[in-house]
């Protein structure tokens, strides 16, 4: 399973930081996502074939594409949360 704080990820970050500092690049401070404003909107690019399949499934369910994708994301999110317990 992918973990952003894995040993290899931390090593890659450390090496990147070292090289960037050696090159004199400015390193931005990490953002505190707790303080970040989330609008509830984001842009997602996907293959045309998947877009079509999702639109057809939404139509079959009698809901908008947005509502259908929200349902799928929410369902998967809570299944993942239930498996952690």
N, C-alpha and C. Protein backbone atom coordinates (compact mmCIF):
# COMPACT_ATOMS: atom_id res chain seq x y z
N UNK A 1 0.84 -1.19 0.00
CA UNK A 1 0.00 0.00 0.00
C UNK A 1 0.88 1.24 0.00
N UNK A 2 0.45 2.26 -0.69
CA UNK A 2 1.20 3.52 -0.79
C UNK A 2 1.06 4.31 0.49
N UNK A 3 2.17 4.79 1.00
CA UNK A 3 2.16 5.69 2.15
C UNK A 3 3.08 6.85 1.85
N UNK A 4 2.58 8.06 1.98
CA UNK A 4 3.39 9.23 1.65
C UNK A 4 4.54 9.44 2.62
N UNK A 5 4.45 8.85 3.81
CA UNK A 5 5.51 9.04 4.79
C UNK A 5 6.45 7.83 4.85
N UNK A 6 6.47 7.00 3.81
CA UNK A 6 7.32 5.82 3.80
C UNK A 6 8.78 6.24 3.79
N UNK A 7 9.63 5.29 4.13
CA UNK A 7 11.07 5.55 4.19
C UNK A 7 11.60 6.07 2.87
N UNK A 8 11.22 5.44 1.74
CA UNK A 8 11.71 5.87 0.44
C UNK A 8 11.23 7.27 0.10
N UNK A 9 9.97 7.58 0.42
CA UNK A 9 9.45 8.92 0.14
C UNK A 9 10.22 9.97 0.93
N UNK A 10 10.50 9.68 2.18
CA UNK A 10 11.24 10.64 3.01
C UNK A 10 12.65 10.82 2.48
N UNK A 11 13.27 9.73 2.02
CA UNK A 11 14.61 9.83 1.44
C UNK A 11 14.62 10.67 0.19
N UNK A 12 13.62 10.46 -0.67
CA UNK A 12 13.54 11.24 -1.91
C UNK A 12 13.32 12.72 -1.60
N UNK A 13 12.51 13.01 -0.62
CA UNK A 13 12.28 14.40 -0.22
C UNK A 13 13.56 15.03 0.30
N UNK A 14 14.29 14.29 1.14
CA UNK A 14 15.52 14.80 1.71
C UNK A 14 16.54 15.12 0.61
N UNK A 15 16.69 14.20 -0.35
CA UNK A 15 17.64 14.40 -1.45
C UNK A 15 17.22 15.61 -2.28
N UNK A 16 15.94 15.72 -2.59
CA UNK A 16 15.45 16.87 -3.37
C UNK A 16 15.75 18.17 -2.64
N UNK A 17 15.47 18.20 -1.34
CA UNK A 17 15.73 19.41 -0.55
C UNK A 17 17.22 19.76 -0.54
N UNK A 18 18.05 18.76 -0.36
CA UNK A 18 19.50 19.01 -0.34
C UNK A 18 19.97 19.61 -1.67
N UNK A 19 19.53 19.03 -2.77
CA UNK A 19 19.93 19.53 -4.09
C UNK A 19 19.39 20.93 -4.33
N UNK A 20 18.14 21.15 -3.99
CA UNK A 20 17.53 22.46 -4.19
C UNK A 20 18.26 23.52 -3.38
N UNK A 21 18.61 23.21 -2.14
CA UNK A 21 19.34 24.16 -1.30
C UNK A 21 20.73 24.44 -1.86
N UNK A 22 21.39 23.38 -2.33
CA UNK A 22 22.72 23.56 -2.95
C UNK A 22 22.63 24.47 -4.17
N UNK A 23 21.54 24.36 -4.92
CA UNK A 23 21.34 25.18 -6.12
C UNK A 23 20.83 26.58 -5.80
N UNK A 24 20.62 26.86 -4.51
CA UNK A 24 20.16 28.18 -4.10
C UNK A 24 18.68 28.44 -4.34
N UNK A 25 17.92 27.37 -4.50
CA UNK A 25 16.47 27.54 -4.72
C UNK A 25 15.77 27.82 -3.40
N UNK A 26 14.71 28.61 -3.49
CA UNK A 26 13.90 28.90 -2.31
C UNK A 26 12.94 27.73 -2.09
N UNK A 27 12.87 27.27 -0.87
CA UNK A 27 12.00 26.15 -0.52
C UNK A 27 10.77 26.72 0.20
N UNK A 28 9.59 26.54 -0.37
CA UNK A 28 8.39 27.05 0.31
C UNK A 28 8.09 26.26 1.57
N UNK A 29 7.57 26.94 2.56
CA UNK A 29 7.17 26.26 3.79
C UNK A 29 5.95 25.40 3.50
N UNK A 30 5.84 24.25 4.17
CA UNK A 30 4.66 23.40 3.97
C UNK A 30 3.39 24.12 4.42
N UNK A 31 2.33 23.88 3.69
CA UNK A 31 1.04 24.49 4.04
C UNK A 31 0.36 23.68 5.13
N UNK A 32 -0.30 24.37 6.01
CA UNK A 32 -1.12 23.71 7.02
C UNK A 32 -2.50 23.53 6.41
N UNK A 33 -2.83 22.30 6.01
CA UNK A 33 -4.11 22.05 5.35
C UNK A 33 -5.30 22.29 6.26
N UNK A 34 -5.09 22.28 7.57
CA UNK A 34 -6.19 22.57 8.49
C UNK A 34 -6.65 24.02 8.33
N UNK A 35 -5.73 24.90 7.94
CA UNK A 35 -6.06 26.32 7.80
C UNK A 35 -6.41 26.68 6.36
N UNK A 36 -6.22 25.75 5.44
CA UNK A 36 -6.45 26.00 4.02
C UNK A 36 -7.95 26.05 3.73
N UNK A 37 -8.35 26.94 2.85
CA UNK A 37 -9.75 27.07 2.47
C UNK A 37 -10.06 26.08 1.35
N UNK A 38 -11.08 25.26 1.54
CA UNK A 38 -11.52 24.32 0.52
C UNK A 38 -12.88 24.77 0.00
N UNK A 39 -12.96 25.00 -1.30
CA UNK A 39 -14.19 25.51 -1.91
C UNK A 39 -15.22 24.42 -2.16
N UNK A 40 -14.78 23.16 -2.17
CA UNK A 40 -15.68 22.07 -2.51
C UNK A 40 -15.68 21.79 -4.01
N UNK A 41 -14.79 22.46 -4.74
CA UNK A 41 -14.70 22.27 -6.19
C UNK A 41 -13.27 21.93 -6.56
N UNK A 42 -13.12 21.05 -7.56
CA UNK A 42 -11.81 20.82 -8.15
C UNK A 42 -12.00 20.32 -9.57
N UNK A 43 -10.98 20.52 -10.39
CA UNK A 43 -11.04 20.09 -11.78
C UNK A 43 -10.39 18.72 -11.89
N UNK A 44 -11.03 17.84 -12.62
CA UNK A 44 -10.52 16.49 -12.80
C UNK A 44 -10.51 16.15 -14.27
N UNK A 45 -9.36 15.75 -14.76
CA UNK A 45 -9.25 15.32 -16.16
C UNK A 45 -9.28 13.80 -16.18
N UNK A 46 -10.06 13.24 -17.09
CA UNK A 46 -10.15 11.80 -17.21
C UNK A 46 -10.31 11.42 -18.67
N UNK A 47 -10.04 10.17 -19.00
CA UNK A 47 -10.18 9.74 -20.39
C UNK A 47 -11.61 9.90 -20.88
N UNK A 48 -11.75 10.20 -22.16
CA UNK A 48 -13.08 10.39 -22.74
C UNK A 48 -13.95 9.16 -22.55
N UNK A 49 -13.35 7.99 -22.66
CA UNK A 49 -14.12 6.74 -22.53
C UNK A 49 -14.69 6.60 -21.12
N UNK A 50 -13.91 6.96 -20.10
CA UNK A 50 -14.41 6.90 -18.73
C UNK A 50 -15.49 7.95 -18.51
N UNK A 51 -15.29 9.14 -19.05
CA UNK A 51 -16.28 10.21 -18.95
C UNK A 51 -17.62 9.72 -19.51
N UNK A 52 -17.55 9.09 -20.69
CA UNK A 52 -18.75 8.57 -21.35
C UNK A 52 -19.43 7.51 -20.49
N UNK A 53 -18.63 6.55 -19.98
CA UNK A 53 -19.20 5.47 -19.16
C UNK A 53 -19.88 6.02 -17.91
N UNK A 54 -19.24 6.96 -17.26
CA UNK A 54 -19.81 7.54 -16.05
C UNK A 54 -21.08 8.32 -16.36
N UNK A 55 -21.07 9.06 -17.47
CA UNK A 55 -22.26 9.83 -17.86
C UNK A 55 -23.43 8.89 -18.15
N UNK A 56 -23.15 7.77 -18.83
CA UNK A 56 -24.22 6.80 -19.12
C UNK A 56 -24.75 6.15 -17.85
N UNK A 57 -23.86 5.81 -16.94
CA UNK A 57 -24.28 5.23 -15.67
C UNK A 57 -25.12 6.22 -14.86
N UNK A 58 -24.72 7.49 -14.87
CA UNK A 58 -25.48 8.52 -14.15
C UNK A 58 -26.87 8.65 -14.75
N UNK A 59 -26.94 8.62 -16.07
CA UNK A 59 -28.23 8.71 -16.74
C UNK A 59 -29.12 7.52 -16.38
N UNK A 60 -28.54 6.33 -16.33
CA UNK A 60 -29.30 5.14 -15.94
C UNK A 60 -29.85 5.27 -14.52
N UNK A 61 -29.08 5.93 -13.65
CA UNK A 61 -29.49 6.11 -12.26
C UNK A 61 -30.44 7.31 -12.09
N UNK A 62 -30.57 8.10 -13.14
CA UNK A 62 -31.47 9.25 -13.08
C UNK A 62 -30.92 10.42 -12.28
N UNK A 63 -29.59 10.54 -12.25
CA UNK A 63 -28.96 11.64 -11.51
C UNK A 63 -27.96 12.34 -12.41
N UNK A 64 -27.51 13.51 -11.98
CA UNK A 64 -26.50 14.23 -12.75
C UNK A 64 -25.16 13.50 -12.65
N UNK A 65 -24.29 13.79 -13.59
CA UNK A 65 -22.95 13.21 -13.56
C UNK A 65 -22.24 13.62 -12.26
N UNK A 66 -22.37 14.87 -11.87
CA UNK A 66 -21.76 15.35 -10.64
C UNK A 66 -22.26 14.55 -9.43
N UNK A 67 -23.57 14.37 -9.32
CA UNK A 67 -24.13 13.61 -8.20
C UNK A 67 -23.65 12.17 -8.21
N UNK A 68 -23.55 11.57 -9.38
CA UNK A 68 -23.13 10.18 -9.48
C UNK A 68 -21.66 10.02 -9.06
N UNK A 69 -20.80 10.91 -9.53
CA UNK A 69 -19.39 10.82 -9.17
C UNK A 69 -19.22 11.10 -7.67
N UNK A 70 -19.96 12.04 -7.13
CA UNK A 70 -19.92 12.31 -5.69
C UNK A 70 -20.32 11.05 -4.91
N UNK A 71 -21.36 10.36 -5.37
CA UNK A 71 -21.78 9.11 -4.75
C UNK A 71 -20.65 8.08 -4.75
N UNK A 72 -20.00 7.90 -5.92
CA UNK A 72 -18.93 6.91 -6.04
C UNK A 72 -17.74 7.25 -5.13
N UNK A 73 -17.36 8.50 -5.10
CA UNK A 73 -16.24 8.92 -4.26
C UNK A 73 -16.58 8.72 -2.78
N UNK A 74 -17.77 9.14 -2.39
CA UNK A 74 -18.19 9.02 -0.99
C UNK A 74 -18.26 7.56 -0.57
N UNK A 75 -18.83 6.73 -1.42
CA UNK A 75 -18.94 5.29 -1.14
C UNK A 75 -17.56 4.68 -0.93
N UNK A 76 -16.63 4.95 -1.82
CA UNK A 76 -15.28 4.40 -1.71
C UNK A 76 -14.55 4.96 -0.48
N UNK A 77 -14.74 6.23 -0.21
CA UNK A 77 -14.09 6.85 0.95
C UNK A 77 -14.51 6.17 2.24
N UNK A 78 -15.81 5.94 2.42
CA UNK A 78 -16.29 5.35 3.65
C UNK A 78 -16.02 3.86 3.71
N UNK A 79 -15.93 3.17 2.59
CA UNK A 79 -15.52 1.76 2.60
C UNK A 79 -14.08 1.67 3.10
N UNK A 80 -13.23 2.57 2.63
CA UNK A 80 -11.83 2.60 3.05
C UNK A 80 -11.76 2.88 4.55
N UNK A 81 -12.57 3.81 5.03
CA UNK A 81 -12.56 4.16 6.46
C UNK A 81 -13.03 2.99 7.30
N UNK A 82 -14.03 2.24 6.84
CA UNK A 82 -14.55 1.10 7.57
C UNK A 82 -13.51 -0.01 7.66
N UNK A 83 -12.69 -0.17 6.64
CA UNK A 83 -11.68 -1.22 6.62
C UNK A 83 -10.53 -0.93 7.57
N UNK A 84 -10.35 0.32 7.97
CA UNK A 84 -9.27 0.69 8.89
C UNK A 84 -9.57 0.26 10.31
N UNK A 85 -10.84 0.11 10.64
CA UNK A 85 -11.23 -0.22 12.03
C UNK A 85 -10.90 -1.65 12.37
